[in-house]
């Protein structure tokens, strides 16, 4: 029987065999289970041969009207992520002969507005946040170290939490991280972040592990490798305590690192390599964040602006 849940399991097995990351597999499983549940509950579709274009188009309309647990509508980018996952599943069904190719084209990507990256902190705000984190407890020192690492290296949250001890080169102040597409790259670690990391590894991490074996650098007592939701909660709590007005997430440090690197004169190619981006396209949006510096330089250097200062 070509039931959709059974075909989903086959699709995930195929992605696993192609060496897709655990995070990608979790995202696919979550999004496709929601799609399959909607198809069964609303359209009465339980098998691949029952699937029609109208079902998929209704589902896409449902996505555009869906709201999050906070009562906010899905952003275009979030809708497109769901569509990307759904199209991948449909293409698998086409390849296996369960549906016609036209069905995979029934849902189309929505237009995404070009917006500046949000939730970015200035260096002054980052220092205020970091300095407010108490380091007189094991958990506090670990938290400060994680945020120092995120800001110093610009690595993704998953790359930080997936970092293993053997991947850190303390002598050369570098770390080998696994990014999107299971691609490995080497990132430099700044002096301040390395100072915190060395102390954390030597004096704090063993205390949190309580002599248990664990390869992860950042751990939670009694759990092992720290999960994402725990880090997100920690970052949010620290930002609130530091009286940072904007919504701060772990990804905020990556955006802030990018902005400050570009503002400091770093070449976009080097920043792209640091962040593990495939192209420079994403960084073009970050470059727009430095308009304040551009205006200041323009006022200082343009001859007509200098005329006004006389």
C-alpha atoms as a PDB file:
ATOM      1  CA  UNK A   1       0.000   0.000   0.000  1.00  0.00           C
ATOM      2  CA  UNK A   2       1.395   3.404  -1.019  1.00  0.00           C
ATOM      3  CA  UNK A   3       0.247   5.204   2.128  1.00  0.00           C
ATOM      4  CA  UNK A   4       1.814   8.618   2.563  1.00  0.00           C
ATOM      5  CA  UNK A   5       3.302   7.903   6.027  1.00  0.00           C
ATOM      6  CA  UNK A   6       5.031   4.780   4.666  1.00  0.00           C
ATOM      7  CA  UNK A   7       6.323   6.685   1.653  1.00  0.00           C
ATOM      8  CA  UNK A   8       7.584   9.412   3.970  1.00  0.00           C
ATOM      9  CA  UNK A   9       9.686   6.838   5.815  1.00  0.00           C
ATOM     10  CA  UNK A  10      11.151   5.694   2.479  1.00  0.00           C
ATOM     11  CA  UNK A  11      11.878   9.290   1.479  1.00  0.00           C
ATOM     12  CA  UNK A  12      13.690   9.966   4.754  1.00  0.00           C
ATOM     13  CA  UNK A  13      15.684   6.740   4.370  1.00  0.00           C
ATOM     14  CA  UNK A  14      16.787   7.931   0.943  1.00  0.00           C
ATOM     15  CA  UNK A  15      17.857  11.328   2.281  1.00  0.00           C
ATOM     16  CA  UNK A  16      19.742   9.569   5.047  1.00  0.00           C
ATOM     17  CA  UNK A  17      21.549   7.386   2.508  1.00  0.00           C
ATOM     18  CA  UNK A  18      22.556  10.557   0.636  1.00  0.00           C
ATOM     19  CA  UNK A  19      24.255  11.815   3.826  1.00  0.00           C
ATOM     20  CA  UNK A  20      21.814  14.615   4.601  1.00  0.00           C
ATOM     21  CA  UNK A  21      22.416  16.102   8.036  1.00  0.00           C
ATOM     22  CA  UNK A  22      20.357  15.047  11.080  1.00  0.00           C
ATOM     23  CA  UNK A  23      19.001  18.604  11.287  1.00  0.00           C
ATOM     24  CA  UNK A  24      17.759  18.460   7.680  1.00  0.00           C
ATOM     25  CA  UNK A  25      16.158  15.078   8.325  1.00  0.00           C
ATOM     26  CA  UNK A  26      14.369  16.434  11.396  1.00  0.00           C
ATOM     27  CA  UNK A  27      13.108  19.460   9.463  1.00  0.00           C
ATOM     28  CA  UNK A  28      11.851  17.267   6.632  1.00  0.00           C
ATOM     29  CA  UNK A  29      10.145  14.839   8.991  1.00  0.00           C
ATOM     30  CA  UNK A  30       8.431  17.632  10.926  1.00  0.00           C
ATOM     31  CA  UNK A  31       7.214  19.568   7.870  1.00  0.00           C
ATOM     32  CA  UNK A  32       6.083  16.508   5.892  1.00  0.00           C
ATOM     33  CA  UNK A  33       4.248  14.967   8.830  1.00  0.00           C
ATOM     34  CA  UNK A  34       2.266  18.201   9.082  1.00  0.00           C
ATOM     35  CA  UNK A  35       1.549  18.107   5.343  1.00  0.00           C
ATOM     36  CA  UNK A  36       0.425  14.476   5.486  1.00  0.00           C
ATOM     37  CA  UNK A  37      -1.761  15.161   8.523  1.00  0.00           C
ATOM     38  CA  UNK A  38      -3.412  18.087   6.724  1.00  0.00           C
ATOM     39  CA  UNK A  39      -4.016  16.019   3.574  1.00  0.00           C
ATOM     40  CA  UNK A  40      -5.716  13.298   5.596  1.00  0.00           C
ATOM     41  CA  UNK A  41      -7.696  15.543   7.953  1.00  0.00           C
ATOM     42  CA  UNK A  42      -8.877  18.142   5.430  1.00  0.00           C
ATOM     43  CA  UNK A  43      -8.779  16.478   2.015  1.00  0.00           C
ATOM     44  CA  UNK A  44      -9.188  12.829   3.002  1.00  0.00           C
ATOM     45  CA  UNK A  45      -6.012  11.880   1.127  1.00  0.00           C
ATOM     46  CA  UNK A  46      -4.118   8.957   2.639  1.00  0.00           C
ATOM     47  CA  UNK A  47      -2.399   7.417  -0.413  1.00  0.00           C
ATOM     48  CA  UNK A  48      -0.190   8.823  -3.153  1.00  0.00           C
ATOM     49  CA  UNK A  49      -2.613   7.766  -5.910  1.00  0.00           C
ATOM     50  CA  UNK A  50      -5.329   9.907  -4.323  1.00  0.00           C
ATOM     51  CA  UNK A  51      -3.263  13.086  -4.534  1.00  0.00           C
ATOM     52  CA  UNK A  52      -4.424  15.817  -6.930  1.00  0.00           C
ATOM     53  CA  UNK A  53      -3.241  19.308  -7.845  1.00  0.00           C
ATOM     54  CA  UNK A  54      -6.200  20.904  -6.088  1.00  0.00           C
ATOM     55  CA  UNK A  55      -5.146  19.297  -2.804  1.00  0.00           C
ATOM     56  CA  UNK A  56      -1.662  20.738  -3.003  1.00  0.00           C
ATOM     57  CA  UNK A  57      -2.905  24.173  -4.014  1.00  0.00           C
ATOM     58  CA  UNK A  58      -5.351  24.217  -1.102  1.00  0.00           C
ATOM     59  CA  UNK A  59      -2.506  23.229   1.207  1.00  0.00           C
ATOM     60  CA  UNK A  60      -0.418  26.137  -0.084  1.00  0.00           C
ATOM     61  CA  UNK A  61      -3.321  28.500   0.579  1.00  0.00           C
ATOM     62  CA  UNK A  62      -3.521  27.016   4.069  1.00  0.00           C
ATOM     63  CA  UNK A  63       0.180  27.826   4.574  1.00  0.00           C
ATOM     64  CA  UNK A  64      -0.364  31.463   3.605  1.00  0.00           C
ATOM     65  CA  UNK A  65      -3.075  31.771   6.278  1.00  0.00           C
ATOM     66  CA  UNK A  66      -1.303  29.764   8.969  1.00  0.00           C
ATOM     67  CA  UNK A  67      -0.197  31.523  12.150  1.00  0.00           C
ATOM     68  CA  UNK A  68       2.536  30.572  14.581  1.00  0.00           C
ATOM     69  CA  UNK A  69       2.070  29.858  18.279  1.00  0.00           C
ATOM     70  CA  UNK A  70       2.704  33.578  18.822  1.00  0.00           C
ATOM     71  CA  UNK A  71      -0.186  34.470  16.534  1.00  0.00           C
ATOM     72  CA  UNK A  72       2.012  35.714  13.688  1.00  0.00           C
ATOM     73  CA  UNK A  73       1.572  34.665  10.042  1.00  0.00           C
ATOM     74  CA  UNK A  74       4.270  32.648   8.341  1.00  0.00           C
ATOM     75  CA  UNK A  75       6.850  34.809   6.628  1.00  0.00           C
ATOM     76  CA  UNK A  76       7.372  34.216   2.876  1.00  0.00           C
ATOM     77  CA  UNK A  77      10.730  32.602   3.605  1.00  0.00           C
ATOM     78  CA  UNK A  78       9.115  30.151   6.036  1.00  0.00           C
ATOM     79  CA  UNK A  79       6.416  29.312   3.496  1.00  0.00           C
ATOM     80  CA  UNK A  80       9.075  28.663   0.869  1.00  0.00           C
ATOM     81  CA  UNK A  81      10.957  26.336   3.217  1.00  0.00           C
ATOM     82  CA  UNK A  82       7.783  24.247   3.596  1.00  0.00           C
ATOM     83  CA  UNK A  83       7.277  24.304  -0.171  1.00  0.00           C
ATOM     84  CA  UNK A  84      10.888  23.260  -0.772  1.00  0.00           C
ATOM     85  CA  UNK A  85      10.486  20.267   1.539  1.00  0.00           C
ATOM     86  CA  UNK A  86       7.130  19.314  -0.003  1.00  0.00           C
ATOM     87  CA  UNK A  87       8.495  19.538  -3.549  1.00  0.00           C
ATOM     88  CA  UNK A  88      11.405  17.302  -2.577  1.00  0.00           C
ATOM     89  CA  UNK A  89       8.954  14.681  -1.296  1.00  0.00           C
ATOM     90  CA  UNK A  90       6.799  14.977  -4.425  1.00  0.00           C
ATOM     91  CA  UNK A  91       9.851  14.600  -6.669  1.00  0.00           C
ATOM     92  CA  UNK A  92      10.694  11.430  -4.779  1.00  0.00           C
ATOM     93  CA  UNK A  93       7.163  10.136  -5.440  1.00  0.00           C
ATOM     94  CA  UNK A  94       7.580  10.968  -9.135  1.00  0.00           C
ATOM     95  CA  UNK A  95      10.913   9.137  -9.328  1.00  0.00           C
ATOM     96  CA  UNK A  96       9.361   6.070  -7.680  1.00  0.00           C
ATOM     97  CA  UNK A  97       6.421   6.113 -10.104  1.00  0.00           C
ATOM     98  CA  UNK A  98       3.690   6.879  -7.576  1.00  0.00           C
ATOM     99  CA  UNK A  99       2.519  10.199  -9.076  1.00  0.00           C
ATOM    100  CA  UNK A 100       2.812  12.146 -12.326  1.00  0.00           C
ATOM    101  CA  UNK A 101       5.556  14.738 -12.744  1.00  0.00           C
ATOM    102  CA  UNK A 102       2.996  17.543 -13.144  1.00  0.00           C
ATOM    103  CA  UNK A 103       1.961  17.118  -9.510  1.00  0.00           C
ATOM    104  CA  UNK A 104       5.410  18.117  -8.309  1.00  0.00           C
ATOM    105  CA  UNK A 105       4.972  21.450 -10.104  1.00  0.00           C
ATOM    106  CA  UNK A 106       1.542  22.141  -8.614  1.00  0.00           C
ATOM    107  CA  UNK A 107       2.954  24.238  -5.781  1.00  0.00           C
ATOM    108  CA  UNK A 108       5.148  27.219  -6.558  1.00  0.00           C
ATOM    109  CA  UNK A 109       7.419  29.377  -4.455  1.00  0.00           C
ATOM    110  CA  UNK A 110       6.056  32.672  -3.213  1.00  0.00           C
ATOM    111  CA  UNK A 111       7.861  35.920  -3.807  1.00  0.00           C
ATOM    112  CA  UNK A 112      10.164  36.906  -0.980  1.00  0.00           C
ATOM    113  CA  UNK A 113      10.673  40.619  -0.323  1.00  0.00           C
ATOM    114  CA  UNK A 114      14.267  41.759  -0.065  1.00  0.00           C
ATOM    115  CA  UNK A 115      14.710  42.846   3.523  1.00  0.00           C
ATOM    116  CA  UNK A 116      17.652  43.606   5.752  1.00  0.00           C
ATOM    117  CA  UNK A 117      18.640  40.899   8.212  1.00  0.00           C
ATOM    118  CA  UNK A 118      16.870  41.536  11.496  1.00  0.00           C
ATOM    119  CA  UNK A 119      17.872  41.239  15.115  1.00  0.00           C
ATOM    120  CA  UNK A 120      21.382  42.658  14.778  1.00  0.00           C
ATOM    121  CA  UNK A 121      23.306  44.048  17.726  1.00  0.00           C
ATOM    122  CA  UNK A 122      25.967  46.735  17.703  1.00  0.00           C
ATOM    123  CA  UNK A 123      29.321  45.867  19.245  1.00  0.00           C
ATOM    124  CA  UNK A 124      28.413  48.021  22.248  1.00  0.00           C
ATOM    125  CA  UNK A 125      25.197  46.048  22.758  1.00  0.00           C
ATOM    126  CA  UNK A 126      27.032  42.730  22.431  1.00  0.00           C
ATOM    127  CA  UNK A 127      29.577  43.791  25.057  1.00  0.00           C
ATOM    128  CA  UNK A 128      26.766  44.879  27.362  1.00  0.00           C
ATOM    129  CA  UNK A 129      25.051  41.509  26.962  1.00  0.00           C
ATOM    130  CA  UNK A 130      28.233  39.454  27.410  1.00  0.00           C
ATOM    131  CA  UNK A 131      29.433  41.462  30.418  1.00  0.00           C
ATOM    132  CA  UNK A 132      26.064  40.953  32.129  1.00  0.00           C
ATOM    133  CA  UNK A 133      26.422  37.159  32.162  1.00  0.00           C
ATOM    134  CA  UNK A 134      27.639  35.967  35.581  1.00  0.00           C
ATOM    135  CA  UNK A 135      30.622  33.648  35.332  1.00  0.00           C
ATOM    136  CA  UNK A 136      30.828  32.563  38.967  1.00  0.00           C
ATOM    137  CA  UNK A 137      28.862  29.361  38.268  1.00  0.00           C
ATOM    138  CA  UNK A 138      29.579  26.495  35.885  1.00  0.00           C
ATOM    139  CA  UNK A 139      26.426  27.171  33.858  1.00  0.00           C
ATOM    140  CA  UNK A 140      27.112  30.894  33.715  1.00  0.00           C
ATOM    141  CA  UNK A 141      30.693  30.422  32.522  1.00  0.00           C
ATOM    142  CA  UNK A 142      29.521  27.934  29.883  1.00  0.00           C
ATOM    143  CA  UNK A 143      26.848  30.369  28.698  1.00  0.00           C
ATOM    144  CA  UNK A 144      29.347  33.217  28.390  1.00  0.00           C
ATOM    145  CA  UNK A 145      31.728  30.951  26.484  1.00  0.00           C
ATOM    146  CA  UNK A 146      29.059  29.848  24.007  1.00  0.00           C
ATOM    147  CA  UNK A 147      28.052  33.423  23.222  1.00  0.00           C
ATOM    148  CA  UNK A 148      31.671  34.551  22.958  1.00  0.00           C
ATOM    149  CA  UNK A 149      32.211  31.745  20.447  1.00  0.00           C
ATOM    150  CA  UNK A 150      29.104  32.625  18.422  1.00  0.00           C
ATOM    151  CA  UNK A 151      30.105  36.285  18.195  1.00  0.00           C
ATOM    152  CA  UNK A 152      33.792  35.642  17.530  1.00  0.00           C
ATOM    153  CA  UNK A 153      33.424  33.010  14.826  1.00  0.00           C
ATOM    154  CA  UNK A 154      30.034  33.781  13.278  1.00  0.00           C
ATOM    155  CA  UNK A 155      29.268  30.057  13.111  1.00  0.00           C
ATOM    156  CA  UNK A 156      25.718  28.768  12.974  1.00  0.00           C
ATOM    157  CA  UNK A 157      24.011  27.556  16.124  1.00  0.00           C
ATOM    158  CA  UNK A 158      23.961  23.979  14.850  1.00  0.00           C
ATOM    159  CA  UNK A 159      27.682  24.213  14.110  1.00  0.00           C
ATOM    160  CA  UNK A 160      28.419  25.368  17.653  1.00  0.00           C
ATOM    161  CA  UNK A 161      26.282  22.698  19.313  1.00  0.00           C
ATOM    162  CA  UNK A 162      27.622  20.048  16.936  1.00  0.00           C
ATOM    163  CA  UNK A 163      31.236  20.930  17.725  1.00  0.00           C
ATOM    164  CA  UNK A 164      33.239  18.037  19.183  1.00  0.00           C
ATOM    165  CA  UNK A 165      36.372  18.265  21.318  1.00  0.00           C
ATOM    166  CA  UNK A 166      38.586  16.691  18.665  1.00  0.00           C
ATOM    167  CA  UNK A 167      37.613  19.442  16.204  1.00  0.00           C
ATOM    168  CA  UNK A 168      39.140  22.252  18.275  1.00  0.00           C
ATOM    169  CA  UNK A 169      42.787  23.167  17.682  1.00  0.00           C
ATOM    170  CA  UNK A 170      43.706  25.101  20.818  1.00  0.00           C
ATOM    171  CA  UNK A 171      47.270  25.715  19.680  1.00  0.00           C
ATOM    172  CA  UNK A 172      46.297  27.398  16.422  1.00  0.00           C
ATOM    173  CA  UNK A 173      43.026  28.886  17.756  1.00  0.00           C
ATOM    174  CA  UNK A 174      40.818  27.274  15.110  1.00  0.00           C
ATOM    175  CA  UNK A 175      37.860  24.906  14.954  1.00  0.00           C
ATOM    176  CA  UNK A 176      36.603  22.561  12.257  1.00  0.00           C
ATOM    177  CA  UNK A 177      32.833  22.846  11.975  1.00  0.00           C
ATOM    178  CA  UNK A 178      30.293  20.926   9.906  1.00  0.00           C
ATOM    179  CA  UNK A 179      28.027  23.308   8.003  1.00  0.00           C
ATOM    180  CA  UNK A 180      25.133  22.954   5.605  1.00  0.00           C
ATOM    181  CA  UNK A 181      25.390  20.056   3.198  1.00  0.00           C
ATOM    182  CA  UNK A 182      27.737  18.291   5.649  1.00  0.00           C
ATOM    183  CA  UNK A 183      30.579  20.511   4.418  1.00  0.00           C
ATOM    184  CA  UNK A 184      33.484  20.998   6.788  1.00  0.00           C
ATOM    185  CA  UNK A 185      35.400  24.262   7.102  1.00  0.00           C
ATOM    186  CA  UNK A 186      37.991  25.728   9.459  1.00  0.00           C
ATOM    187  CA  UNK A 187      37.143  28.924  11.328  1.00  0.00           C
ATOM    188  CA  UNK A 188      39.455  31.120  13.441  1.00  0.00           C
ATOM    189  CA  UNK A 189      38.661  31.733  17.096  1.00  0.00           C
ATOM    190  CA  UNK A 190      39.445  35.157  18.521  1.00  0.00           C
ATOM    191  CA  UNK A 191      41.703  35.593  21.558  1.00  0.00           C
ATOM    192  CA  UNK A 192      38.906  36.507  23.957  1.00  0.00           C
ATOM    193  CA  UNK A 193      36.699  33.621  22.896  1.00  0.00           C
ATOM    194  CA  UNK A 194      39.649  31.212  23.077  1.00  0.00           C
ATOM    195  CA  UNK A 195      40.492  32.393  26.581  1.00  0.00           C
ATOM    196  CA  UNK A 196      36.977  31.558  27.732  1.00  0.00           C
ATOM    197  CA  UNK A 197      36.962  28.279  25.782  1.00  0.00           C
ATOM    198  CA  UNK A 198      40.224  27.027  27.269  1.00  0.00           C
ATOM    199  CA  UNK A 199      39.095  27.763  30.818  1.00  0.00           C
ATOM    200  CA  UNK A 200      35.691  26.228  30.172  1.00  0.00           C
ATOM    201  CA  UNK A 201      37.171  23.009  28.790  1.00  0.00           C
ATOM    202  CA  UNK A 202      39.710  22.616  31.585  1.00  0.00           C
ATOM    203  CA  UNK A 203      37.700  23.668  34.639  1.00  0.00           C
ATOM    204  CA  UNK A 204      33.990  23.821  33.828  1.00  0.00           C
ATOM    205  CA  UNK A 205      33.098  21.146  31.302  1.00  0.00           C
ATOM    206  CA  UNK A 206      34.350  18.215  33.469  1.00  0.00           C
ATOM    207  CA  UNK A 207      32.176  19.465  36.324  1.00  0.00           C
ATOM    208  CA  UNK A 208      29.081  19.571  34.093  1.00  0.00           C
ATOM    209  CA  UNK A 209      29.782  16.094  32.708  1.00  0.00           C
ATOM    210  CA  UNK A 210      30.411  14.567  36.134  1.00  0.00           C
ATOM    211  CA  UNK A 211      32.991  12.124  34.689  1.00  0.00           C
ATOM    212  CA  UNK A 212      30.699  10.840  31.916  1.00  0.00           C
ATOM    213  CA  UNK A 213      32.060  10.307  28.408  1.00  0.00           C
ATOM    214  CA  UNK A 214      30.879  12.908  25.884  1.00  0.00           C
ATOM    215  CA  UNK A 215      32.427  14.197  22.658  1.00  0.00           C
ATOM    216  CA  UNK A 216      30.466  17.470  22.517  1.00  0.00           C
ATOM    217  CA  UNK A 217      32.223  20.654  23.572  1.00  0.00           C
ATOM    218  CA  UNK A 218      29.135  22.318  25.000  1.00  0.00           C
ATOM    219  CA  UNK A 219      27.079  20.208  27.338  1.00  0.00           C
ATOM    220  CA  UNK A 220      24.164  20.431  29.709  1.00  0.00           C
ATOM    221  CA  UNK A 221      24.420  18.791  33.103  1.00  0.00           C
ATOM    222  CA  UNK A 222      22.590  15.465  33.152  1.00  0.00           C
ATOM    223  CA  UNK A 223      21.817  15.637  29.434  1.00  0.00           C
ATOM    224  CA  UNK A 224      25.026  15.588  27.422  1.00  0.00           C
ATOM    225  CA  UNK A 225      25.253  17.602  24.224  1.00  0.00           C
ATOM    226  CA  UNK A 226      23.250  20.780  24.661  1.00  0.00           C
ATOM    227  CA  UNK A 227      20.029  20.910  22.611  1.00  0.00           C
ATOM    228  CA  UNK A 228      19.095  23.972  20.573  1.00  0.00           C
ATOM    229  CA  UNK A 229      16.004  24.887  22.562  1.00  0.00           C
ATOM    230  CA  UNK A 230      18.084  25.132  25.737  1.00  0.00           C
ATOM    231  CA  UNK A 231      20.589  27.510  24.151  1.00  0.00           C
ATOM    232  CA  UNK A 232      17.782  29.618  22.692  1.00  0.00           C
ATOM    233  CA  UNK A 233      16.177  29.925  26.127  1.00  0.00           C
ATOM    234  CA  UNK A 234      19.519  30.869  27.703  1.00  0.00           C
ATOM    235  CA  UNK A 235      20.243  33.566  25.110  1.00  0.00           C
ATOM    236  CA  UNK A 236      16.773  35.051  25.453  1.00  0.00           C
ATOM    237  CA  UNK A 237      17.027  35.160  29.249  1.00  0.00           C
ATOM    238  CA  UNK A 238      20.468  36.792  29.138  1.00  0.00           C
ATOM    239  CA  UNK A 239      19.280  39.435  26.664  1.00  0.00           C
ATOM    240  CA  UNK A 240      16.279  40.285  28.830  1.00  0.00           C
ATOM    241  CA  UNK A 241      18.471  40.549  31.911  1.00  0.00           C
ATOM    242  CA  UNK A 242      20.878  42.842  30.039  1.00  0.00           C
ATOM    243  CA  UNK A 243      17.925  45.041  29.036  1.00  0.00           C
ATOM    244  CA  UNK A 244      18.494  44.542  25.304  1.00  0.00           C
ATOM    245  CA  UNK A 245      15.334  45.860  23.686  1.00  0.00           C
ATOM    246  CA  UNK A 246      15.312  43.824  20.461  1.00  0.00           C
ATOM    247  CA  UNK A 247      14.526  40.109  20.247  1.00  0.00           C
ATOM    248  CA  UNK A 248      17.852  38.285  20.571  1.00  0.00           C
ATOM    249  CA  UNK A 249      18.294  34.697  19.375  1.00  0.00           C
ATOM    250  CA  UNK A 250      21.460  32.604  19.006  1.00  0.00           C
ATOM    251  CA  UNK A 251      21.503  33.527  15.299  1.00  0.00           C
ATOM    252  CA  UNK A 252      21.707  37.214  16.259  1.00  0.00           C
ATOM    253  CA  UNK A 253      25.398  36.740  17.077  1.00  0.00           C
ATOM    254  CA  UNK A 254      26.090  35.442  13.556  1.00  0.00           C
ATOM    255  CA  UNK A 255      24.374  38.468  12.020  1.00  0.00           C
ATOM    256  CA  UNK A 256      26.191  40.824  14.373  1.00  0.00           C
ATOM    257  CA  UNK A 257      29.572  39.236  13.653  1.00  0.00           C
ATOM    258  CA  UNK A 258      28.932  39.580   9.917  1.00  0.00           C
ATOM    259  CA  UNK A 259      27.946  43.224  10.194  1.00  0.00           C
ATOM    260  CA  UNK A 260      30.933  44.179  12.325  1.00  0.00           C
ATOM    261  CA  UNK A 261      33.369  42.326  10.057  1.00  0.00           C
ATOM    262  CA  UNK A 262      32.081  44.180   6.996  1.00  0.00           C
ATOM    263  CA  UNK A 263      31.989  47.463   8.898  1.00  0.00           C
ATOM    264  CA  UNK A 264      35.599  46.881   9.923  1.00  0.00           C
ATOM    265  CA  UNK A 265      36.658  46.578   6.301  1.00  0.00           C
ATOM    266  CA  UNK A 266      36.792  42.800   5.827  1.00  0.00           C
ATOM    267  CA  UNK A 267      36.469  41.638   2.228  1.00  0.00           C
ATOM    268  CA  UNK A 268      33.147  40.028   1.368  1.00  0.00           C
ATOM    269  CA  UNK A 269      34.926  36.938   0.024  1.00  0.00           C
ATOM    270  CA  UNK A 270      36.711  36.331   3.325  1.00  0.00           C
ATOM    271  CA  UNK A 271      33.500  36.863   5.293  1.00  0.00           C
ATOM    272  CA  UNK A 272      31.738  34.424   2.960  1.00  0.00           C
ATOM    273  CA  UNK A 273      34.414  31.810   3.699  1.00  0.00           C
ATOM    274  CA  UNK A 274      34.174  32.462   7.437  1.00  0.00           C
ATOM    275  CA  UNK A 275      30.399  32.002   7.437  1.00  0.00           C
ATOM    276  CA  UNK A 276      30.367  29.038   5.063  1.00  0.00           C
ATOM    277  CA  UNK A 277      28.080  30.655   2.463  1.00  0.00           C
ATOM    278  CA  UNK A 278      27.958  29.265  -1.072  1.00  0.00           C
ATOM    279  CA  UNK A 279      27.838  32.700  -2.695  1.00  0.00           C
ATOM    280  CA  UNK A 280      28.137  36.393  -1.943  1.00  0.00           C
ATOM    281  CA  UNK A 281      24.423  36.991  -2.532  1.00  0.00           C
ATOM    282  CA  UNK A 282      23.438  36.788   1.143  1.00  0.00           C
ATOM    283  CA  UNK A 283      26.174  39.188   2.195  1.00  0.00           C
ATOM    284  CA  UNK A 284      24.829  41.902  -0.094  1.00  0.00           C
ATOM    285  CA  UNK A 285      21.960  42.360   2.346  1.00  0.00           C
ATOM    286  CA  UNK A 286      24.350  42.596   5.290  1.00  0.00           C
ATOM    287  CA  UNK A 287      26.414  45.200   3.479  1.00  0.00           C
ATOM    288  CA  UNK A 288      23.368  47.472   3.435  1.00  0.00           C
ATOM    289  CA  UNK A 289      23.486  47.570   7.222  1.00  0.00           C
ATOM    290  CA  UNK A 290      26.634  49.682   7.046  1.00  0.00           C
ATOM    291  CA  UNK A 291      24.802  52.616   5.433  1.00  0.00           C
ATOM    292  CA  UNK A 292      25.419  54.659   8.595  1.00  0.00           C
ATOM    293  CA  UNK A 293      29.159  54.318   8.078  1.00  0.00           C
ATOM    294  CA  UNK A 294      28.776  55.042   4.376  1.00  0.00           C
ATOM    295  CA  UNK A 295      26.869  58.253   5.094  1.00  0.00           C
ATOM    296  CA  UNK A 296      29.529  59.306   7.600  1.00  0.00           C
ATOM    297  CA  UNK A 297      32.302  58.690   5.072  1.00  0.00           C
ATOM    298  CA  UNK A 298      30.350  60.487   2.361  1.00  0.00           C
ATOM    299  CA  UNK A 299      29.878  63.547   4.572  1.00  0.00           C
ATOM    300  CA  UNK A 300      33.568  63.558   5.435  1.00  0.00           C
ATOM    301  CA  UNK A 301      35.067  62.899   2.011  1.00  0.00           C
ATOM    302  CA  UNK A 302      32.751  64.315  -0.662  1.00  0.00           C
ATOM    303  CA  UNK A 303      33.959  67.788  -1.741  1.00  0.00           C
ATOM    304  CA  UNK A 304      30.448  69.242  -1.867  1.00  0.00           C
ATOM    305  CA  UNK A 305      29.806  68.091   1.699  1.00  0.00           C
ATOM    306  CA  UNK A 306      33.031  69.719   2.805  1.00  0.00           C
ATOM    307  CA  UNK A 307      31.800  72.966   1.267  1.00  0.00           C
ATOM    308  CA  UNK A 308      28.911  72.926   3.719  1.00  0.00           C
ATOM    309  CA  UNK A 309      31.286  72.589   6.640  1.00  0.00           C
ATOM    310  CA  UNK A 310      33.184  75.762   5.815  1.00  0.00           C
END
